[in-house]
Structures are given as C-alpha cells and as structure tokens.
Amino acid sequence: MAETILYKDSLAMFRNRPILFLFFCLLIPSGLGLIFLLCWWFQCWATSLVVTDQRVTLMQGILSKYTNDVLIADIRNVRVGQNIFQRLFGVGNVALSTSGQADMEIAVNGLPDPQRVKKIIDDCRAKVRKT
C-alpha cells in the first residue's frame, strides 16, 4: 500500500530565532552576518520532517545525508516544546520517542506549526491501534 504524505516542511529561520536573525542582519555590513545567514539558511533548507500515514522521517544534509525513520506504530511519545518567541511566531520543537529507545529518536527544532504535527501523528497512532 502506498504511503500518503500528511505533512512535509523544513525548519523556519526567522520565526524560530528572531533575535538571532536580527543580530546577524546587523552584522551584514561587516560581511560576517551574510556568511552566518547563508550557513543558517542552508541548514534550515536542508532539514525537513515528513509525516506519512505509516512513518515519520527526519532528513538532514546537503552533501552528506542523514535520514531517520520511525514507524507510526512504534511511536510512544510525542513531545512539543515552544518558548515565548516560538509561540508568537507559530514554530516549535517536536521530539518523538519509541519504546526501544531511552532518549528521543527524532528531535527537530524550529518546525512550523508543531501542534499540527503532533495532531497528525496522534491521529495516525490512533488509526494504527484500531487495526
């Protein structure tokens, strides 16, 4: 059976850390700010979370690739964290743990609409438990 993509997004840059973004913008005249912003942009662009009806996949990297898959049926905990700036700008941190790991299996910081991600995963977990 084919998987259906329910959510796919990359990290937010400005909305995740607005003060750091503004600080780097202030450093642009020295040349360092542009370098820092470009590196940060590539890191955000090269990190994405994909939630399907069967699995959650974290993909990172441009030249070197890192992929971490967790099956929906194996997820035991979905943790969402947001500081005050993240709440204001609608981003946050999402972490998933499985029964086979003591720590979080997937952790991603600065994801747009983390409550929606949690709801999608929880809905899929409920469907898997019914079958």
Protein backbone atom coordinates (compact mmCIF):
# COMPACT_ATOMS: atom_id res chain seq x y z
CA MET A 1 0.00 0.00 0.00
CA ALA A 2 1.34 3.43 -0.95
CA GLU A 3 2.11 5.94 1.77
CA THR A 4 0.27 9.24 1.89
CA ILE A 5 2.26 12.33 2.85
CA LEU A 6 0.33 14.19 5.54
CA TYR A 7 2.96 16.81 6.44
CA LYS A 8 6.23 17.96 4.93
CA ASP A 9 8.13 21.09 5.89
CA SER A 10 11.60 22.47 6.52
CA LEU A 11 12.77 24.44 9.52
CA ALA A 12 11.72 28.05 9.98
CA MET A 13 14.57 30.52 10.10
CA PHE A 14 13.40 33.96 11.22
CA ARG A 15 10.35 32.73 13.12
CA ASN A 16 12.40 30.25 15.17
CA ARG A 17 15.05 32.71 16.39
CA PRO A 18 14.07 36.27 15.52
CA ILE A 19 16.61 37.97 17.80
CA LEU A 20 19.50 35.94 16.39
CA PHE A 21 18.24 36.66 12.86
CA LEU A 22 18.19 40.42 13.55
CA PHE A 23 21.65 40.23 15.13
CA PHE A 24 23.05 38.53 12.02
CA CYS A 25 21.34 41.18 9.87
CA LEU A 26 23.14 43.86 11.86
CA LEU A 27 26.43 42.08 11.10
CA ILE A 28 25.85 42.13 7.33
CA PRO A 29 27.93 45.31 6.76
CA SER A 30 30.95 43.54 8.26
CA GLY A 31 30.44 40.55 5.94
CA LEU A 32 30.13 38.07 8.79
CA GLY A 33 26.36 38.45 9.02
CA LEU A 34 25.85 37.34 5.43
CA ILE A 35 28.06 34.28 5.96
CA PHE A 36 26.20 33.33 9.14
CA LEU A 37 22.80 33.86 7.50
CA LEU A 38 23.74 31.77 4.46
CA CYS A 39 25.02 28.90 6.61
CA TRP A 40 21.91 29.06 8.77
CA TRP A 41 19.65 29.18 5.70
CA PHE A 42 21.34 26.11 4.19
CA GLN A 43 20.95 24.25 7.48
CA CYS A 44 17.22 25.11 7.64
CA TRP A 45 16.67 24.34 3.96
CA ALA A 46 18.48 21.00 4.22
CA THR A 47 16.46 19.77 7.21
CA SER A 48 12.93 18.54 6.71
CA LEU A 49 10.37 16.45 8.52
CA VAL A 50 7.97 14.25 6.58
CA VAL A 51 4.98 12.61 8.24
CA THR A 52 3.14 9.93 6.29
CA ASP A 53 0.34 7.65 7.37
CA GLN A 54 2.97 4.96 8.13
CA ARG A 55 6.16 6.71 9.27
CA VAL A 56 7.90 9.89 10.37
CA THR A 57 11.14 10.74 8.56
CA LEU A 58 13.72 13.36 9.50
CA MET A 59 16.07 14.21 6.63
CA GLN A 60 19.16 16.36 7.13
CA GLY A 61 22.08 17.40 4.99
CA ILE A 62 23.03 18.59 1.53
CA LEU A 63 26.24 16.78 0.60
CA SER A 64 26.15 14.27 3.42
CA LYS A 65 22.68 12.91 4.06
CA TYR A 66 21.24 11.76 7.36
CA THR A 67 17.81 10.13 7.44
CA ASN A 68 15.98 8.80 10.47
CA ASP A 69 12.71 6.86 10.05
CA VAL A 70 10.33 5.93 12.83
CA LEU A 71 7.25 3.85 12.15
CA ILE A 72 4.00 5.37 13.44
CA ALA A 73 3.19 2.10 15.22
CA ASP A 74 6.45 2.33 17.22
CA ILE A 75 5.98 5.91 18.49
CA ARG A 76 5.24 6.01 22.22
CA ASN A 77 5.64 9.72 22.97
CA VAL A 78 5.33 12.97 21.01
CA ARG A 79 6.79 15.98 22.80
CA VAL A 80 6.20 19.57 21.66
CA GLY A 81 8.08 22.50 23.18
CA GLN A 82 7.75 26.19 22.45
CA ASN A 83 9.40 29.19 24.10
CA ILE A 84 7.57 32.52 24.10
CA PHE A 85 9.03 33.71 20.78
CA GLN A 86 8.27 30.38 19.14
CA ARG A 87 4.66 30.55 20.36
CA LEU A 88 4.29 34.07 18.99
CA PHE A 89 5.64 33.05 15.58
CA GLY A 90 3.95 29.64 15.34
CA VAL A 91 7.01 27.39 15.44
CA GLY A 92 8.37 24.94 17.98
CA ASN A 93 10.31 21.81 18.78
CA VAL A 94 8.99 18.32 18.14
CA ALA A 95 10.55 15.17 19.58
CA LEU A 96 9.48 11.54 19.16
CA SER A 97 10.41 8.58 21.30
CA THR A 98 9.88 4.87 20.77
CA SER A 99 9.69 2.02 23.21
CA GLY A 100 13.09 0.76 22.07
CA GLN A 101 14.99 3.96 22.96
CA ALA A 102 15.64 5.67 26.28
CA ASP A 103 16.04 9.06 24.59
CA MET A 104 14.20 10.83 21.80
CA GLU A 105 14.53 9.05 18.47
CA ILE A 106 13.74 12.14 16.37
CA ALA A 107 14.15 15.71 17.62
CA VAL A 108 13.74 18.75 15.41
CA ASN A 109 13.87 22.40 16.48
CA GLY A 110 12.13 25.27 14.72
CA LEU A 111 9.40 23.38 12.92
CA PRO A 112 6.38 25.37 11.67
CA ASP A 113 3.06 24.53 13.36
CA PRO A 114 4.30 21.87 15.83
CA GLN A 115 0.84 21.31 17.34
CA ARG A 116 -0.46 20.32 13.90
CA VAL A 117 2.42 17.86 13.53
CA LYS A 118 1.56 16.33 16.92
CA LYS A 119 -2.13 16.06 16.00
CA ILE A 120 -1.33 14.35 12.68
CA ILE A 121 0.95 11.84 14.41
CA ASP A 122 -1.55 11.21 17.23
CA ASP A 123 -4.36 10.65 14.69
CA CYS A 124 -2.21 8.14 12.78
CA ARG A 125 -1.27 6.38 16.02
CA ALA A 126 -4.96 6.04 16.90
CA LYS A 127 -5.73 4.53 13.49
CA VAL A 128 -2.85 2.05 13.85
CA ARG A 129 -4.08 0.96 17.30
CA LYS A 130 -7.58 0.28 15.92
CA THR A 131 -6.29 -2.10 13.27
